[in-house]
Structures are given as structure tokens and as C-alpha cells.
Amino acid sequence: MATYKNLYADQGSTFIENINVTDSSGTALNLNDYAVKSQFKKSYYAETSYNFDIAILSNTQIVMCLSSENSNNISPGRYVYDVTIVDNCDNAQRIQEGILQISPGVTK
């Protein structure tokens, strides 16, 4: 089951979130043979989605990023997001999900 975590980002600023990946028992999961993907959108059923930039930092840690340029082009508001890992056999597992709140910026 995925971890639920709300995230907060400022429009026009760089957003970075580190995720330590564990299995259901809390043991660190080795990400050597996994790909990672993550998106957010206004609702679960919205057609328009945005991608986080994702990197695997170590065997057990992922970093999600949204550049200041990209966040500046996204309307402020509430979004839903999730992070999924996929192994070599195309088995997918959602590891984190929640609400992403993007607050408006003044300086452009």
C-alpha cells in the first residue's frame, strides 16, 4: 500500500522531494531493477497531467523535482499526485500518493 503524503510547492520556485522507498514491512527496497514515474493533475479524471522529473539517488532513495520554470507555468491550486515504481517484468507498484498544493507567486 502506498504512503500518503501531502506536498506543498511555490509557483515559480524549484520543488524537491526525497523519498526513501520501503516495502510493506518497512524494509528498504532495492531499486536497482526499477524505473520510476510520477505525475500530478487537477483530479484523478483530468485529461491534462504534468510530470515530475524523477531520479534514483541510491538503491533505496528517489528524488522528485519540479523546476522553477515548470512550476511557474502551472496554475496555482490543488492537485493529486502519485509515484509509481515499475520492475523489469512491468509489474507496477504505487509507493506514494497525496495532494500537491501549489501556492501562487508574485515575482515573475
N, C-alpha and C. Protein backbone atom coordinates (compact mmCIF):
# COMPACT_ATOMS: atom_id res chain seq x y z
N MET A 1 0.84 -1.17 0.00
CA MET A 1 0.00 0.00 0.00
C MET A 1 0.89 1.24 0.00
N ALA A 2 0.48 2.25 -0.75
CA ALA A 2 1.26 3.47 -0.90
C ALA A 2 1.20 4.32 0.37
N THR A 3 2.28 5.03 0.61
CA THR A 3 2.32 6.03 1.68
C THR A 3 1.55 7.25 1.20
N TYR A 4 0.77 7.86 2.10
CA TYR A 4 0.02 9.07 1.76
C TYR A 4 0.75 10.27 2.37
N LYS A 5 1.08 11.25 1.50
CA LYS A 5 1.79 12.44 1.97
C LYS A 5 1.37 13.64 1.14
N ASN A 6 0.96 14.71 1.81
CA ASN A 6 0.65 15.96 1.13
C ASN A 6 1.93 16.74 0.90
N LEU A 7 2.02 17.36 -0.29
CA LEU A 7 3.19 18.14 -0.67
C LEU A 7 2.78 19.58 -0.93
N TYR A 8 3.71 20.51 -0.71
CA TYR A 8 3.46 21.93 -0.91
C TYR A 8 4.59 22.52 -1.75
N ALA A 9 4.22 23.25 -2.81
CA ALA A 9 5.21 23.87 -3.69
C ALA A 9 4.80 25.32 -3.95
N ASP A 10 5.79 26.17 -4.17
CA ASP A 10 5.56 27.56 -4.50
C ASP A 10 5.69 27.75 -6.00
N GLN A 11 4.70 28.39 -6.61
CA GLN A 11 4.76 28.69 -8.03
C GLN A 11 6.00 29.54 -8.31
N GLY A 12 6.76 29.18 -9.35
CA GLY A 12 7.97 29.92 -9.70
C GLY A 12 9.21 29.54 -8.93
N SER A 13 9.10 28.56 -8.02
CA SER A 13 10.25 28.09 -7.25
C SER A 13 10.53 26.63 -7.57
N THR A 14 11.76 26.21 -7.32
CA THR A 14 12.12 24.81 -7.51
C THR A 14 11.55 23.99 -6.37
N PHE A 15 10.96 22.85 -6.70
CA PHE A 15 10.41 21.94 -5.70
C PHE A 15 11.22 20.65 -5.76
N ILE A 16 11.63 20.15 -4.59
CA ILE A 16 12.37 18.89 -4.49
C ILE A 16 11.81 18.09 -3.33
N GLU A 17 11.56 16.81 -3.57
CA GLU A 17 11.06 15.89 -2.53
C GLU A 17 11.86 14.60 -2.61
N ASN A 18 12.52 14.22 -1.52
CA ASN A 18 13.23 12.95 -1.44
C ASN A 18 12.31 11.90 -0.85
N ILE A 19 12.35 10.70 -1.42
CA ILE A 19 11.53 9.59 -0.94
C ILE A 19 12.42 8.40 -0.65
N ASN A 20 12.39 7.91 0.58
CA ASN A 20 13.06 6.66 0.93
C ASN A 20 12.06 5.54 0.70
N VAL A 21 12.38 4.62 -0.18
CA VAL A 21 11.44 3.59 -0.60
C VAL A 21 11.60 2.35 0.28
N THR A 22 10.48 1.92 0.86
CA THR A 22 10.46 0.71 1.71
C THR A 22 9.33 -0.21 1.27
N ASP A 23 9.44 -1.47 1.66
CA ASP A 23 8.35 -2.40 1.39
C ASP A 23 7.32 -2.29 2.51
N SER A 24 6.30 -3.15 2.47
CA SER A 24 5.20 -3.07 3.44
C SER A 24 5.64 -3.32 4.89
N SER A 25 6.80 -3.97 5.08
CA SER A 25 7.29 -4.22 6.44
C SER A 25 8.23 -3.11 6.93
N GLY A 26 8.50 -2.12 6.07
CA GLY A 26 9.38 -1.03 6.46
C GLY A 26 10.83 -1.24 6.09
N THR A 27 11.14 -2.35 5.42
CA THR A 27 12.50 -2.65 5.00
C THR A 27 12.80 -1.88 3.71
N ALA A 28 14.00 -1.31 3.62
CA ALA A 28 14.39 -0.57 2.42
C ALA A 28 14.29 -1.46 1.19
N LEU A 29 13.70 -0.93 0.14
CA LEU A 29 13.52 -1.67 -1.11
C LEU A 29 14.65 -1.31 -2.07
N ASN A 30 15.31 -2.32 -2.64
CA ASN A 30 16.39 -2.10 -3.58
C ASN A 30 15.81 -1.73 -4.95
N LEU A 31 16.16 -0.56 -5.45
CA LEU A 31 15.59 -0.03 -6.70
C LEU A 31 16.45 -0.32 -7.93
N ASN A 32 17.42 -1.22 -7.82
CA ASN A 32 18.34 -1.48 -8.94
C ASN A 32 17.63 -1.82 -10.24
N ASP A 33 16.58 -2.59 -10.21
CA ASP A 33 15.92 -3.03 -11.44
C ASP A 33 14.57 -2.36 -11.64
N TYR A 34 14.41 -1.14 -11.16
CA TYR A 34 13.14 -0.43 -11.26
C TYR A 34 13.27 0.86 -12.07
N ALA A 35 12.18 1.23 -12.69
CA ALA A 35 12.01 2.57 -13.27
C ALA A 35 11.00 3.28 -12.39
N VAL A 36 11.04 4.61 -12.38
CA VAL A 36 10.15 5.39 -11.53
C VAL A 36 9.43 6.42 -12.39
N LYS A 37 8.15 6.62 -12.11
CA LYS A 37 7.40 7.67 -12.80
C LYS A 37 6.44 8.33 -11.82
N SER A 38 6.15 9.61 -12.09
CA SER A 38 5.28 10.36 -11.20
C SER A 38 4.60 11.48 -11.98
N GLN A 39 3.30 11.64 -11.74
CA GLN A 39 2.53 12.70 -12.38
C GLN A 39 1.61 13.36 -11.36
N PHE A 40 1.14 14.57 -11.73
CA PHE A 40 0.09 15.22 -10.95
C PHE A 40 -0.89 15.87 -11.90
N LYS A 41 -2.14 16.00 -11.44
CA LYS A 41 -3.18 16.64 -12.22
C LYS A 41 -4.29 17.13 -11.31
N LYS A 42 -5.20 17.95 -11.86
CA LYS A 42 -6.24 18.61 -11.05
C LYS A 42 -7.17 17.62 -10.37
N SER A 43 -7.47 16.51 -11.01
CA SER A 43 -8.30 15.47 -10.41
C SER A 43 -7.85 14.13 -10.98
N TYR A 44 -8.32 13.07 -10.38
CA TYR A 44 -7.95 11.74 -10.87
C TYR A 44 -8.41 11.52 -12.30
N TYR A 45 -9.44 12.23 -12.72
CA TYR A 45 -10.06 12.01 -14.03
C TYR A 45 -9.71 13.09 -15.04
N ALA A 46 -8.89 14.07 -14.67
CA ALA A 46 -8.49 15.14 -15.59
C ALA A 46 -7.64 14.57 -16.71
N GLU A 47 -7.80 15.11 -17.91
CA GLU A 47 -7.01 14.66 -19.05
C GLU A 47 -5.60 15.25 -19.06
N THR A 48 -5.46 16.49 -18.59
CA THR A 48 -4.16 17.14 -18.58
C THR A 48 -3.38 16.71 -17.34
N SER A 49 -2.15 16.24 -17.56
CA SER A 49 -1.30 15.86 -16.44
C SER A 49 0.08 16.49 -16.62
N TYR A 50 0.81 16.58 -15.53
CA TYR A 50 2.16 17.13 -15.52
C TYR A 50 3.09 16.09 -14.91
N ASN A 51 4.31 16.03 -15.42
CA ASN A 51 5.29 15.07 -14.91
C ASN A 51 6.26 15.74 -13.95
N PHE A 52 6.58 15.03 -12.87
CA PHE A 52 7.72 15.40 -12.06
C PHE A 52 8.96 14.85 -12.74
N ASP A 53 10.09 15.54 -12.62
CA ASP A 53 11.37 14.96 -13.01
C ASP A 53 11.77 14.03 -11.88
N ILE A 54 12.19 12.82 -12.24
CA ILE A 54 12.49 11.78 -11.26
C ILE A 54 13.92 11.28 -11.46
N ALA A 55 14.61 11.04 -10.36
CA ALA A 55 15.93 10.41 -10.40
C ALA A 55 16.03 9.44 -9.24
N ILE A 56 16.73 8.34 -9.47
CA ILE A 56 17.03 7.40 -8.40
C ILE A 56 18.39 7.80 -7.84
N LEU A 57 18.40 8.27 -6.58
CA LEU A 57 19.63 8.76 -5.96
C LEU A 57 20.52 7.64 -5.46
N SER A 58 19.91 6.59 -4.95
CA SER A 58 20.65 5.45 -4.42
C SER A 58 19.78 4.22 -4.60
N ASN A 59 20.23 3.09 -4.10
CA ASN A 59 19.45 1.86 -4.22
C ASN A 59 18.09 1.95 -3.53
N THR A 60 17.93 2.91 -2.62
CA THR A 60 16.70 2.97 -1.83
C THR A 60 16.05 4.35 -1.81
N GLN A 61 16.59 5.31 -2.57
CA GLN A 61 16.07 6.69 -2.48
C GLN A 61 15.81 7.30 -3.85
N ILE A 62 14.66 7.97 -3.94
CA ILE A 62 14.21 8.65 -5.16
C ILE A 62 14.13 10.14 -4.85
N VAL A 63 14.37 10.97 -5.86
CA VAL A 63 14.12 12.40 -5.73
C VAL A 63 13.16 12.83 -6.84
N MET A 64 12.12 13.59 -6.44
CA MET A 64 11.16 14.17 -7.37
C MET A 64 11.46 15.66 -7.45
N CYS A 65 11.46 16.21 -8.66
CA CYS A 65 11.75 17.63 -8.83
C CYS A 65 10.75 18.27 -9.78
N LEU A 66 10.54 19.55 -9.54
CA LEU A 66 9.77 20.40 -10.43
C LEU A 66 10.56 21.70 -10.53
N SER A 67 11.07 22.01 -11.72
CA SER A 67 11.92 23.19 -11.87
C SER A 67 11.11 24.46 -11.66
N SER A 68 11.82 25.55 -11.36
CA SER A 68 11.14 26.83 -11.17
C SER A 68 10.44 27.26 -12.45
N GLU A 69 11.05 26.99 -13.60
CA GLU A 69 10.43 27.33 -14.88
C GLU A 69 9.12 26.56 -15.09
N ASN A 70 9.15 25.27 -14.80
CA ASN A 70 7.93 24.46 -14.95
C ASN A 70 6.87 24.84 -13.94
N SER A 71 7.25 25.07 -12.70
CA SER A 71 6.24 25.41 -11.69
C SER A 71 5.63 26.77 -11.97
N ASN A 72 6.38 27.66 -12.61
CA ASN A 72 5.87 28.98 -12.95
C ASN A 72 4.76 28.90 -14.00
N ASN A 73 4.78 27.84 -14.82
CA ASN A 73 3.80 27.66 -15.89
C ASN A 73 2.59 26.84 -15.48
N ILE A 74 2.49 26.48 -14.22
CA ILE A 74 1.37 25.69 -13.72
C ILE A 74 0.50 26.57 -12.84
N SER A 75 -0.79 26.53 -13.08
CA SER A 75 -1.73 27.35 -12.29
C SER A 75 -1.69 26.93 -10.83
N PRO A 76 -1.74 27.91 -9.92
CA PRO A 76 -1.80 27.58 -8.50
C PRO A 76 -3.07 26.79 -8.21
N GLY A 77 -3.01 25.98 -7.18
CA GLY A 77 -4.19 25.22 -6.78
C GLY A 77 -3.83 23.86 -6.23
N ARG A 78 -4.87 23.06 -6.11
CA ARG A 78 -4.76 21.73 -5.51
C ARG A 78 -4.72 20.69 -6.62
N TYR A 79 -3.79 19.76 -6.52
CA TYR A 79 -3.62 18.68 -7.49
C TYR A 79 -3.49 17.36 -6.75
N VAL A 80 -3.76 16.26 -7.43
CA VAL A 80 -3.48 14.94 -6.89
C VAL A 80 -2.22 14.42 -7.60
N TYR A 81 -1.44 13.61 -6.89
CA TYR A 81 -0.21 13.07 -7.48
C TYR A 81 -0.01 11.65 -6.98
N ASP A 82 0.85 10.92 -7.68
CA ASP A 82 1.35 9.65 -7.17
C ASP A 82 2.71 9.36 -7.75
N VAL A 83 3.40 8.41 -7.14
CA VAL A 83 4.72 7.96 -7.57
C VAL A 83 4.63 6.44 -7.70
N THR A 84 5.06 5.93 -8.86
CA THR A 84 4.97 4.51 -9.14
C THR A 84 6.34 3.97 -9.53
N ILE A 85 6.67 2.78 -9.04
CA ILE A 85 7.88 2.09 -9.48
C ILE A 85 7.44 0.90 -10.34
N VAL A 86 8.25 0.59 -11.36
CA VAL A 86 7.95 -0.49 -12.29
C VAL A 86 9.19 -1.35 -12.44
N ASP A 87 9.04 -2.67 -12.25
CA ASP A 87 10.20 -3.55 -12.38
C ASP A 87 10.38 -4.00 -13.83
N ASN A 88 11.41 -4.83 -14.08
CA ASN A 88 11.73 -5.29 -15.43
C ASN A 88 10.64 -6.13 -16.07
N CYS A 89 9.76 -6.71 -15.26
CA CYS A 89 8.66 -7.53 -15.77
C CYS A 89 7.39 -6.71 -15.95
N ASP A 90 7.50 -5.39 -15.84
CA ASP A 90 6.38 -4.45 -16.00
C ASP A 90 5.35 -4.54 -14.87
N ASN A 91 5.79 -5.01 -13.69
CA ASN A 91 4.94 -5.00 -12.50
C ASN A 91 5.05 -3.63 -11.85
N ALA A 92 3.92 -2.96 -11.70
CA ALA A 92 3.91 -1.61 -11.14
C ALA A 92 3.44 -1.62 -9.70
N GLN A 93 4.00 -0.72 -8.91
CA GLN A 93 3.62 -0.57 -7.51
C GLN A 93 3.62 0.91 -7.16
N ARG A 94 2.48 1.42 -6.68
CA ARG A 94 2.41 2.81 -6.23
C ARG A 94 3.06 2.88 -4.86
N ILE A 95 4.03 3.81 -4.70
CA ILE A 95 4.75 3.89 -3.42
C ILE A 95 4.38 5.12 -2.61
N GLN A 96 3.87 6.16 -3.28
CA GLN A 96 3.46 7.36 -2.56
C GLN A 96 2.38 8.08 -3.35
N GLU A 97 1.44 8.70 -2.63
CA GLU A 97 0.36 9.45 -3.26
C GLU A 97 -0.12 10.52 -2.30
N GLY A 98 -0.88 11.48 -2.83
CA GLY A 98 -1.43 12.50 -1.97
C GLY A 98 -1.86 13.73 -2.75
N ILE A 99 -1.90 14.84 -2.05
CA ILE A 99 -2.29 16.13 -2.60
C ILE A 99 -1.04 16.99 -2.77
N LEU A 100 -0.94 17.67 -3.90
CA LEU A 100 0.10 18.67 -4.14
C LEU A 100 -0.59 20.02 -4.17
N GLN A 101 -0.21 20.90 -3.28
CA GLN A 101 -0.76 22.26 -3.24
C GLN A 101 0.30 23.21 -3.80
N ILE A 102 -0.03 23.90 -4.89
CA ILE A 102 0.87 24.89 -5.46
C ILE A 102 0.34 26.28 -5.11
N SER A 103 1.13 27.03 -4.35
CA SER A 103 0.70 28.37 -3.94
C SER A 103 1.15 29.39 -4.97
N PRO A 104 0.34 30.45 -5.19
CA PRO A 104 0.69 31.43 -6.22
C PRO A 104 1.91 32.26 -5.84
N GLY A 105 2.62 32.70 -6.88
CA GLY A 105 3.77 33.55 -6.68
C GLY A 105 3.49 34.97 -7.16
N VAL A 106 4.22 35.92 -6.68
CA VAL A 106 4.06 37.31 -7.07
C VAL A 106 5.16 37.70 -8.07
N THR A 107 6.40 37.36 -7.75
CA THR A 107 7.54 37.75 -8.58
C THR A 107 7.64 36.83 -9.79
N LYS A 108 7.70 37.44 -10.95
CA LYS A 108 7.81 36.66 -12.21
C LYS A 108 9.13 36.92 -12.88
